Amino acid sequence: MKLPQLKEMKLSHLREKHLRWLWLGGFLLLCISIQSLGQGCSQCLDSTKATPPSVQAAYRHAILLLGTAGASLFIAGTLLLRRHR
């Protein structure tokens, strides 16, 4: 192996290592944020407190569904952009 190829392999390995740590950190932050399950703003919290428990459960389900859809689109976009490089 030539020296430039070896140097390029080391840089590639470092980038991959940093990317793994970034994914792990993102996953841990996601796990921590799932515990909150709050509405996010006081207006939403006040308006949902007045609703029956079944409606509150539906709101929680909708928030998780929309969050999952957004995260899926972001991950898919990231993977597509990474493959084009």
C-alpha atoms as a PDB file:
ATOM      1  CA  MET A   1       0.000   0.000   0.000  1.00  0.00           C
ATOM      2  CA  LYS A   2       1.193   3.452  -0.802  1.00  0.00           C
ATOM      3  CA  LEU A   3       1.414   6.087   1.900  1.00  0.00           C
ATOM      4  CA  PRO A   4      -1.410   8.327   0.531  1.00  0.00           C
ATOM      5  CA  GLN A   5      -3.785   5.341   0.453  1.00  0.00           C
ATOM      6  CA  LEU A   6      -2.911   4.456   4.036  1.00  0.00           C
ATOM      7  CA  LYS A   7      -3.493   8.043   5.149  1.00  0.00           C
ATOM      8  CA  GLU A   8      -6.836   8.094   3.324  1.00  0.00           C
ATOM      9  CA  MET A   9      -7.867   4.834   5.028  1.00  0.00           C
ATOM     10  CA  LYS A  10      -7.069   6.302   8.459  1.00  0.00           C
ATOM     11  CA  LEU A  11      -9.112   9.424   7.723  1.00  0.00           C
ATOM     12  CA  SER A  12     -12.010   7.301   6.510  1.00  0.00           C
ATOM     13  CA  HIS A  13     -11.837   5.213   9.668  1.00  0.00           C
ATOM     14  CA  LEU A  14     -11.844   8.358  11.829  1.00  0.00           C
ATOM     15  CA  ARG A  15     -14.874   9.756  10.016  1.00  0.00           C
ATOM     16  CA  GLU A  16     -16.700   6.467  10.472  1.00  0.00           C
ATOM     17  CA  LYS A  17     -15.812   6.416  14.165  1.00  0.00           C
ATOM     18  CA  HIS A  18     -17.098   9.968  14.653  1.00  0.00           C
ATOM     19  CA  LEU A  19     -20.277   9.134  12.763  1.00  0.00           C
ATOM     20  CA  ARG A  20     -20.917   6.185  15.083  1.00  0.00           C
ATOM     21  CA  TRP A  21     -20.526   8.420  18.131  1.00  0.00           C
ATOM     22  CA  LEU A  22     -22.855  10.973  16.563  1.00  0.00           C
ATOM     23  CA  TRP A  23     -25.527   8.338  15.952  1.00  0.00           C
ATOM     24  CA  LEU A  24     -25.120   6.979  19.484  1.00  0.00           C
ATOM     25  CA  GLY A  25     -25.432  10.467  20.980  1.00  0.00           C
ATOM     26  CA  GLY A  26     -28.505  11.190  18.870  1.00  0.00           C
ATOM     27  CA  PHE A  27     -30.105   7.923  19.905  1.00  0.00           C
ATOM     28  CA  LEU A  28     -29.457   8.629  23.583  1.00  0.00           C
ATOM     29  CA  LEU A  29     -30.950  12.111  23.265  1.00  0.00           C
ATOM     30  CA  LEU A  30     -33.997  10.600  21.581  1.00  0.00           C
ATOM     31  CA  CYS A  31     -34.416   8.100  24.410  1.00  0.00           C
ATOM     32  CA  ILE A  32     -34.210  10.869  26.992  1.00  0.00           C
ATOM     33  CA  SER A  33     -36.720  13.065  25.171  1.00  0.00           C
ATOM     34  CA  ILE A  34     -39.283  10.262  24.892  1.00  0.00           C
ATOM     35  CA  GLN A  35     -39.745  10.392  28.658  1.00  0.00           C
ATOM     36  CA  SER A  36     -41.177  13.902  28.551  1.00  0.00           C
ATOM     37  CA  LEU A  37     -44.183  13.201  26.263  1.00  0.00           C
ATOM     38  CA  GLY A  38     -45.337  16.765  26.900  1.00  0.00           C
ATOM     39  CA  GLN A  39     -47.219  19.042  24.562  1.00  0.00           C
ATOM     40  CA  GLY A  40     -44.398  21.543  24.367  1.00  0.00           C
ATOM     41  CA  CYS A  41     -46.248  24.790  24.971  1.00  0.00           C
ATOM     42  CA  SER A  42     -48.557  26.047  27.685  1.00  0.00           C
ATOM     43  CA  GLN A  43     -51.394  26.836  25.270  1.00  0.00           C
ATOM     44  CA  CYS A  44     -51.497  23.277  23.991  1.00  0.00           C
ATOM     45  CA  LEU A  45     -51.211  21.932  27.521  1.00  0.00           C
ATOM     46  CA  ASP A  46     -54.110  24.086  28.725  1.00  0.00           C
ATOM     47  CA  SER A  47     -56.336  23.182  25.784  1.00  0.00           C
ATOM     48  CA  THR A  48     -55.679  19.459  26.085  1.00  0.00           C
ATOM     49  CA  LYS A  49     -56.223  19.363  29.857  1.00  0.00           C
ATOM     50  CA  ALA A  50     -59.861  20.286  29.239  1.00  0.00           C
ATOM     51  CA  THR A  51     -60.379  17.304  26.924  1.00  0.00           C
ATOM     52  CA  PRO A  52     -61.338  13.760  27.949  1.00  0.00           C
ATOM     53  CA  PRO A  53     -58.545  11.219  28.586  1.00  0.00           C
ATOM     54  CA  SER A  54     -59.287   9.413  25.314  1.00  0.00           C
ATOM     55  CA  VAL A  55     -58.601  12.599  23.337  1.00  0.00           C
ATOM     56  CA  GLN A  56     -55.407  13.215  25.305  1.00  0.00           C
ATOM     57  CA  ALA A  57     -54.271   9.676  24.447  1.00  0.00           C
ATOM     58  CA  ALA A  58     -55.063  10.329  20.786  1.00  0.00           C
ATOM     59  CA  TYR A  59     -52.941  13.495  20.889  1.00  0.00           C
ATOM     60  CA  ARG A  60     -50.031  11.591  22.422  1.00  0.00           C
ATOM     61  CA  HIS A  61     -50.328   8.922  19.749  1.00  0.00           C
ATOM     62  CA  ALA A  62     -50.436  11.559  16.994  1.00  0.00           C
ATOM     63  CA  ILE A  63     -47.326  13.286  18.376  1.00  0.00           C
ATOM     64  CA  LEU A  64     -45.388  10.010  18.365  1.00  0.00           C
ATOM     65  CA  LEU A  65     -46.635   9.188  14.869  1.00  0.00           C
ATOM     66  CA  LEU A  66     -45.632  12.576  13.453  1.00  0.00           C
ATOM     67  CA  GLY A  67     -42.262  12.451  15.223  1.00  0.00           C
ATOM     68  CA  THR A  68     -41.557   8.994  13.829  1.00  0.00           C
ATOM     69  CA  ALA A  69     -42.530  10.056  10.311  1.00  0.00           C
ATOM     70  CA  GLY A  70     -40.280  13.121  10.473  1.00  0.00           C
ATOM     71  CA  ALA A  71     -37.353  11.134  11.854  1.00  0.00           C
ATOM     72  CA  SER A  72     -37.811   8.472   9.160  1.00  0.00           C
ATOM     73  CA  LEU A  73     -37.731  11.074   6.401  1.00  0.00           C
ATOM     74  CA  PHE A  74     -34.620  12.671   7.884  1.00  0.00           C
ATOM     75  CA  ILE A  75     -32.793   9.336   8.173  1.00  0.00           C
ATOM     76  CA  ALA A  76     -33.806   8.309   4.640  1.00  0.00           C
ATOM     77  CA  GLY A  77     -32.599  11.642   3.258  1.00  0.00           C
ATOM     78  CA  THR A  78     -29.316  11.319   5.120  1.00  0.00           C
ATOM     79  CA  LEU A  79     -28.747   7.815   3.769  1.00  0.00           C
ATOM     80  CA  LEU A  80     -29.585   8.864   0.208  1.00  0.00           C
ATOM     81  CA  LEU A  81     -27.214  11.828   0.345  1.00  0.00           C
ATOM     82  CA  ARG A  82     -24.465   9.688   1.821  1.00  0.00           C
ATOM     83  CA  ARG A  83     -24.762   7.098  -0.976  1.00  0.00           C
ATOM     84  CA  HIS A  84     -24.486   9.754  -3.678  1.00  0.00           C
ATOM     85  CA  ARG A  85     -21.072  10.904  -2.411  1.00  0.00           C
END
